[in-house]
PDB file of N, CA and C in Angstrom:
ATOM      1  N   MET A   1     126.764 114.298 104.709  1.00  0.00           N
ATOM      2  CA  MET A   1     125.451 113.929 105.189  1.00  0.00           C
ATOM      3  C   MET A   1     124.437 114.953 104.696  1.00  0.00           C
ATOM      4  N   SER A   2     123.314 114.492 104.241  1.00  0.00           N
ATOM      5  CA  SER A   2     122.252 115.375 103.740  1.00  0.00           C
ATOM      6  C   SER A   2     121.404 115.901 104.885  1.00  0.00           C
ATOM      7  N   THR A   3     120.894 117.092 104.691  1.00  0.00           N
ATOM      8  CA  THR A   3     119.947 117.630 105.659  1.00  0.00           C
ATOM      9  C   THR A   3     118.559 117.086 105.338  1.00  0.00           C
ATOM     10  N   LEU A   4     117.675 117.207 106.288  1.00  0.00           N
ATOM     11  CA  LEU A   4     116.299 116.763 106.058  1.00  0.00           C
ATOM     12  C   LEU A   4     115.699 117.492 104.863  1.00  0.00           C
ATOM     13  N   HIS A   5     115.953 118.770 104.755  1.00  0.00           N
ATOM     14  CA  HIS A   5     115.425 119.540 103.626  1.00  0.00           C
ATOM     15  C   HIS A   5     115.953 118.978 102.297  1.00  0.00           C
ATOM     16  N   GLU A   6     117.230 118.665 102.230  1.00  0.00           N
ATOM     17  CA  GLU A   6     117.811 118.108 100.997  1.00  0.00           C
ATOM     18  C   GLU A   6     117.186 116.760 100.650  1.00  0.00           C
ATOM     19  N   ILE A   7     116.926 115.974 101.664  1.00  0.00           N
ATOM     20  CA  ILE A   7     116.292 114.665 101.441  1.00  0.00           C
ATOM     21  C   ILE A   7     114.868 114.854 100.924  1.00  0.00           C
ATOM     22  N   GLU A   8     114.123 115.782 101.530  1.00  0.00           N
ATOM     23  CA  GLU A   8     112.759 116.059 101.069  1.00  0.00           C
ATOM     24  C   GLU A   8     112.747 116.503  99.615  1.00  0.00           C
ATOM     25  N   VAL A   9     113.667 117.381  99.245  1.00  0.00           N
ATOM     26  CA  VAL A   9     113.745 117.858  97.865  1.00  0.00           C
ATOM     27  C   VAL A   9     114.046 116.687  96.927  1.00  0.00           C
ATOM     28  N   ALA A  10     114.986 115.837  97.318  1.00  0.00           N
ATOM     29  CA  ALA A  10     115.353 114.690  96.484  1.00  0.00           C
ATOM     30  C   ALA A  10     114.170 113.732  96.319  1.00  0.00           C
ATOM     31  N   ILE A  11     113.424 113.523  97.389  1.00  0.00           N
ATOM     32  CA  ILE A  11     112.263 112.620  97.322  1.00  0.00           C
ATOM     33  C   ILE A  11     111.224 113.159  96.351  1.00  0.00           C
ATOM     34  N   ARG A  12     111.003 114.458  96.391  1.00  0.00           N
ATOM     35  CA  ARG A  12     110.015 115.065  95.485  1.00  0.00           C
ATOM     36  C   ARG A  12     110.397 114.885  94.020  1.00  0.00           C
ATOM     37  N   LYS A  13     111.674 114.684  93.738  1.00  0.00           N
ATOM     38  CA  LYS A  13     112.148 114.532  92.360  1.00  0.00           C
ATOM     39  C   LYS A  13     112.171 113.084  91.886  1.00  0.00           C
ATOM     40  N   LEU A  14     111.863 112.142  92.770  1.00  0.00           N
ATOM     41  CA  LEU A  14     111.935 110.724  92.396  1.00  0.00           C
ATOM     42  C   LEU A  14     110.876 110.360  91.368  1.00  0.00           C
ATOM     43  N   PRO A  15     111.250 109.493  90.433  1.00  0.00           N
ATOM     44  CA  PRO A  15     110.230 108.929  89.535  1.00  0.00           C
ATOM     45  C   PRO A  15     109.256 108.065  90.354  1.00  0.00           C
ATOM     46  N   ASP A  16     108.067 107.870  89.822  1.00  0.00           N
ATOM     47  CA  ASP A  16     107.034 107.129  90.552  1.00  0.00           C
ATOM     48  C   ASP A  16     107.499 105.759  91.040  1.00  0.00           C
ATOM     49  N   ASP A  17     108.177 104.992  90.187  1.00  0.00           N
ATOM     50  CA  ASP A  17     108.627 103.652  90.586  1.00  0.00           C
ATOM     51  C   ASP A  17     109.590 103.712  91.766  1.00  0.00           C
ATOM     52  N   ASP A  18     110.482 104.699  91.750  1.00  0.00           N
ATOM     53  CA  ASP A  18     111.422 104.835  92.861  1.00  0.00           C
ATOM     54  C   ASP A  18     110.710 105.279  94.132  1.00  0.00           C
ATOM     55  N   LEU A  19     109.698 106.111  93.991  1.00  0.00           N
ATOM     56  CA  LEU A  19     108.934 106.550  95.152  1.00  0.00           C
ATOM     57  C   LEU A  19     108.195 105.369  95.786  1.00  0.00           C
ATOM     58  N   VAL A  20     107.660 104.499  94.957  1.00  0.00           N
ATOM     59  CA  VAL A  20     107.000 103.288  95.466  1.00  0.00           C
ATOM     60  C   VAL A  20     108.006 102.430  96.227  1.00  0.00           C
ATOM     61  N   ALA A  21     109.181 102.250  95.671  1.00  0.00           N
ATOM     62  CA  ALA A  21     110.216 101.457  96.327  1.00  0.00           C
ATOM     63  C   ALA A  21     110.658 102.107  97.635  1.00  0.00           C
ATOM     64  N   LEU A  22     110.783 103.435  97.635  1.00  0.00           N
ATOM     65  CA  LEU A  22     111.164 104.145  98.854  1.00  0.00           C
ATOM     66  C   LEU A  22     110.121 103.963  99.944  1.00  0.00           C
ATOM     67  N   ARG A  23     108.848 104.064  99.571  1.00  0.00           N
ATOM     68  CA  ARG A  23     107.777 103.873 100.560  1.00  0.00           C
ATOM     69  C   ARG A  23     107.850 102.487 101.185  1.00  0.00           C
ATOM     70  N   ALA A  24     108.058 101.476 100.357  1.00  0.00           N
ATOM     71  CA  ALA A  24     108.141 100.101 100.862  1.00  0.00           C
ATOM     72  C   ALA A  24     109.341  99.950 101.796  1.00  0.00           C
ATOM     73  N   TRP A  25     110.486 100.494 101.372  1.00  0.00           N
ATOM     74  CA  TRP A  25     111.683 100.410 102.205  1.00  0.00           C
ATOM     75  C   TRP A  25     111.454 101.129 103.527  1.00  0.00           C
ATOM     76  N   PHE A  26     110.876 102.332 103.478  1.00  0.00           N
ATOM     77  CA  PHE A  26     110.678 103.098 104.700  1.00  0.00           C
ATOM     78  C   PHE A  26     109.699 102.396 105.638  1.00  0.00           C
ATOM     79  N   ALA A  27     108.658 101.810 105.099  1.00  0.00           N
ATOM     80  CA  ALA A  27     107.688 101.091 105.931  1.00  0.00           C
ATOM     81  C   ALA A  27     108.378  99.943 106.674  1.00  0.00           C
ATOM     82  N   GLU A  28     109.227  99.199 105.967  1.00  0.00           N
ATOM     83  CA  GLU A  28     109.968  98.104 106.609  1.00  0.00           C
ATOM     84  C   GLU A  28     110.941  98.634 107.654  1.00  0.00           C
ATOM     85  N   CYS A  29     111.642  99.701 107.334  1.00  0.00           N
ATOM     86  CA  CYS A  29     112.603 100.312 108.250  1.00  0.00           C
ATOM     87  C   CYS A  29     111.891 100.825 109.498  1.00  0.00           C
ATOM     88  N   ASP A  30     110.783 101.491 109.318  1.00  0.00           N
ATOM     89  CA  ASP A  30     110.019 102.044 110.427  1.00  0.00           C
ATOM     90  C   ASP A  30     109.464 100.933 111.313  1.00  0.00           C
ATOM     91  N   ALA A  31     108.955  99.868 110.695  1.00  0.00           N
ATOM     92  CA  ALA A  31     108.415  98.739 111.459  1.00  0.00           C
ATOM     93  C   ALA A  31     109.517  98.072 112.280  1.00  0.00           C
ATOM     94  N   ALA A  32     110.700  97.919 111.700  1.00  0.00           N
ATOM     95  CA  ALA A  32     111.813  97.304 112.417  1.00  0.00           C
ATOM     96  C   ALA A  32     112.228  98.173 113.607  1.00  0.00           C
ATOM     97  N   ALA A  33     112.243  99.480 113.431  1.00  0.00           N
ATOM     98  CA  ALA A  33     112.590 100.390 114.525  1.00  0.00           C
ATOM     99  C   ALA A  33     111.546 100.291 115.633  1.00  0.00           C
ATOM    100  N   TRP A  34     110.269 100.222 115.262  1.00  0.00           N
ATOM    101  CA  TRP A  34     109.194 100.094 116.246  1.00  0.00           C
ATOM    102  C   TRP A  34     109.338  98.781 117.004  1.00  0.00           C
ATOM    103  N   ASP A  35     109.638  97.690 116.281  1.00  0.00           N
ATOM    104  CA  ASP A  35     109.825  96.392 116.928  1.00  0.00           C
ATOM    105  C   ASP A  35     110.963  96.434 117.942  1.00  0.00           C
ATOM    106  N   ARG A  36     112.097  97.069 117.567  1.00  0.00           N
ATOM    107  CA  ARG A  36     113.223  97.168 118.495  1.00  0.00           C
ATOM    108  C   ARG A  36     112.837  97.962 119.742  1.00  0.00           C
ATOM    109  N   LYS A  37     112.096  99.061 119.566  1.00  0.00           N
ATOM    110  CA  LYS A  37     111.656  99.867 120.702  1.00  0.00           C
ATOM    111  C   LYS A  37     110.717  99.062 121.592  1.00  0.00           C
ATOM    112  N   PHE A  38     109.789  98.343 120.986  1.00  0.00           N
ATOM    113  CA  PHE A  38     108.845  97.527 121.742  1.00  0.00           C
ATOM    114  C   PHE A  38     109.593  96.472 122.551  1.00  0.00           C
ATOM    115  N   GLU A  39     110.554  95.794 121.917  1.00  0.00           N
ATOM    116  CA  GLU A  39     111.328  94.763 122.610  1.00  0.00           C
ATOM    117  C   GLU A  39     112.117  95.359 123.783  1.00  0.00           C
ATOM    118  N   ARG A  40     112.679  96.558 123.608  1.00  0.00           N
ATOM    119  CA  ARG A  40     113.386  97.223 124.715  1.00  0.00           C
ATOM    120  C   ARG A  40     112.421  97.539 125.851  1.00  0.00           C
ATOM    121  N   ASP A  41     111.248  98.066 125.490  1.00  0.00           N
ATOM    122  CA  ASP A  41     110.261  98.410 126.509  1.00  0.00           C
ATOM    123  C   ASP A  41     109.825  97.175 127.288  1.00  0.00           C
ATOM    124  N   VAL A  42     109.619  96.061 126.604  1.00  0.00           N
ATOM    125  CA  VAL A  42     109.239  94.821 127.272  1.00  0.00           C
ATOM    126  C   VAL A  42     110.359  94.373 128.197  1.00  0.00           C
ATOM    127  N   ALA A  43     111.588  94.353 127.697  1.00  0.00           N
ATOM    128  CA  ALA A  43     112.734  93.895 128.495  1.00  0.00           C
ATOM    129  C   ALA A  43     112.940  94.767 129.726  1.00  0.00           C
ATOM    130  N   GLU A  44     112.631  96.053 129.623  1.00  0.00           N
ATOM    131  CA  GLU A  44     112.815  96.979 130.740  1.00  0.00           C
ATOM    132  C   GLU A  44     111.594  97.060 131.655  1.00  0.00           C
ATOM    133  N   GLY A  45     110.556  96.266 131.344  1.00  0.00           N
ATOM    134  CA  GLY A  45     109.385  96.211 132.206  1.00  0.00           C
ATOM    135  C   GLY A  45     108.425  97.370 132.052  1.00  0.00           C
ATOM    136  N   ARG A  46     108.578  98.146 131.000  1.00  0.00           N
ATOM    137  CA  ARG A  46     107.727  99.326 130.834  1.00  0.00           C
ATOM    138  C   ARG A  46     106.276  98.982 130.500  1.00  0.00           C
ATOM    139  N   LEU A  47     106.036  97.756 130.083  1.00  0.00           N
ATOM    140  CA  LEU A  47     104.674  97.368 129.714  1.00  0.00           C
ATOM    141  C   LEU A  47     104.030  96.454 130.759  1.00  0.00           C
ATOM    142  N   ASP A  48     104.752  96.200 131.845  1.00  0.00           N
ATOM    143  CA  ASP A  48     104.244  95.274 132.857  1.00  0.00           C
ATOM    144  C   ASP A  48     102.903  95.724 133.436  1.00  0.00           C
ATOM    145  N   ALA A  49     102.762  97.003 133.736  1.00  0.00           N
ATOM    146  CA  ALA A  49     101.509  97.491 134.320  1.00  0.00           C
ATOM    147  C   ALA A  49     100.344  97.295 133.349  1.00  0.00           C
ATOM    148  N   LEU A  50     100.591  97.533 132.068  1.00  0.00           N
ATOM    149  CA  LEU A  50      99.535  97.325 131.072  1.00  0.00           C
ATOM    150  C   LEU A  50      99.172  95.847 130.957  1.00  0.00           C
ATOM    151  N   ALA A  51     100.182  94.999 130.967  1.00  0.00           N
ATOM    152  CA  ALA A  51      99.929  93.551 130.883  1.00  0.00           C
ATOM    153  C   ALA A  51      99.157  93.088 132.111  1.00  0.00           C
ATOM    154  N   ASP A  52      99.554  93.560 133.283  1.00  0.00           N
ATOM    155  CA  ASP A  52      98.848  93.185 134.513  1.00  0.00           C
ATOM    156  C   ASP A  52      97.389  93.628 134.462  1.00  0.00           C
ATOM    157  N   ALA A  53      97.142  94.829 133.989  1.00  0.00           N
ATOM    158  CA  ALA A  53      95.769  95.335 133.902  1.00  0.00           C
ATOM    159  C   ALA A  53      94.952  94.506 132.910  1.00  0.00           C
ATOM    160  N   ALA A  54      95.555  94.138 131.783  1.00  0.00           N
ATOM    161  CA  ALA A  54      94.837  93.332 130.787  1.00  0.00           C
ATOM    162  C   ALA A  54      94.512  91.956 131.346  1.00  0.00           C
ATOM    163  N   LEU A  55      95.462  91.355 132.047  1.00  0.00           N
ATOM    164  CA  LEU A  55      95.208  90.034 132.641  1.00  0.00           C
ATOM    165  C   LEU A  55      94.138  90.124 133.726  1.00  0.00           C
ATOM    166  N   ARG A  56      94.179  91.181 134.525  1.00  0.00           N
ATOM    167  CA  ARG A  56      93.159  91.377 135.563  1.00  0.00           C
ATOM    168  C   ARG A  56      91.782  91.530 134.921  1.00  0.00           C
ATOM    169  N   ASP A  57      91.686  92.338 133.875  1.00  0.00           N
ATOM    170  CA  ASP A  57      90.411  92.521 133.177  1.00  0.00           C
ATOM    171  C   ASP A  57      89.918  91.205 132.596  1.00  0.00           C
ATOM    172  N   ALA A  58      90.818  90.416 132.039  1.00  0.00           N
ATOM    173  CA  ALA A  58      90.418  89.119 131.462  1.00  0.00           C
ATOM    174  C   ALA A  58      89.890  88.176 132.531  1.00  0.00           C
ATOM    175  N   ARG A  59      90.526  88.191 133.698  1.00  0.00           N
ATOM    176  CA  ARG A  59      90.069  87.323 134.798  1.00  0.00           C
ATOM    177  C   ARG A  59      88.707  87.766 135.317  1.00  0.00           C
ATOM    178  N   GLU A  60      88.454  89.073 135.302  1.00  0.00           N
ATOM    179  CA  GLU A  60      87.201  89.598 135.844  1.00  0.00           C
ATOM    180  C   GLU A  60      86.038  89.420 134.874  1.00  0.00           C
ATOM    181  N   GLY A  61      86.307  89.081 133.639  1.00  0.00           N
ATOM    182  CA  GLY A  61      85.257  88.829 132.666  1.00  0.00           C
ATOM    183  C   GLY A  61      84.881  90.070 131.891  1.00  0.00           C
ATOM    184  N   PRO A  62      83.848  89.927 131.068  1.00  0.00           N
ATOM    185  CA  PRO A  62      83.417  91.038 130.224  1.00  0.00           C
ATOM    186  C   PRO A  62      83.014  92.247 131.082  1.00  0.00           C
ATOM    187  N   CYS A  63      83.265  93.410 130.548  1.00  0.00           N
ATOM    188  CA  CYS A  63      82.876  94.612 131.277  1.00  0.00           C
ATOM    189  C   CYS A  63      81.961  95.455 130.382  1.00  0.00           C
ATOM    190  N   GLY A  64      81.426  96.491 130.925  1.00  0.00           N
ATOM    191  CA  GLY A  64      80.559  97.358 130.153  1.00  0.00           C
ATOM    192  C   GLY A  64      79.098  97.182 130.502  1.00  0.00           C
ATOM    193  N   GLY A  65      78.809  96.337 131.481  1.00  0.00           N
ATOM    194  CA  GLY A  65      77.448  96.205 131.953  1.00  0.00           C
ATOM    195  C   GLY A  65      76.492  95.533 130.981  1.00  0.00           C
ATOM    196  N   GLU A  66      77.006  94.657 130.129  1.00  0.00           N
ATOM    197  CA  GLU A  66      76.116  93.956 129.203  1.00  0.00           C
ATOM    198  C   GLU A  66      75.222  93.009 129.972  1.00  0.00           C
ATOM    199  N   ASP A  67      73.951  92.979 129.600  1.00  0.00           N
ATOM    200  CA  ASP A  67      72.989  92.090 130.274  1.00  0.00           C
ATOM    201  C   ASP A  67      72.713  90.874 129.436  1.00  0.00           C
TER     202      ASP A  67
END
């Protein structure tokens, strides 16, 4: 297994085309990890308070004192 430092060194040596491909792969990998975390948080009810507050705000109408 490579250390983070070894991976960083290897990345710095990549040709431009490979670096572009790595960025695309990492963006997809990172997005998938974020999606899994979000889905876990939803399933565990961690976002319920935020959802309730958003629904309450929507029912109460626009805010900010606009005339």
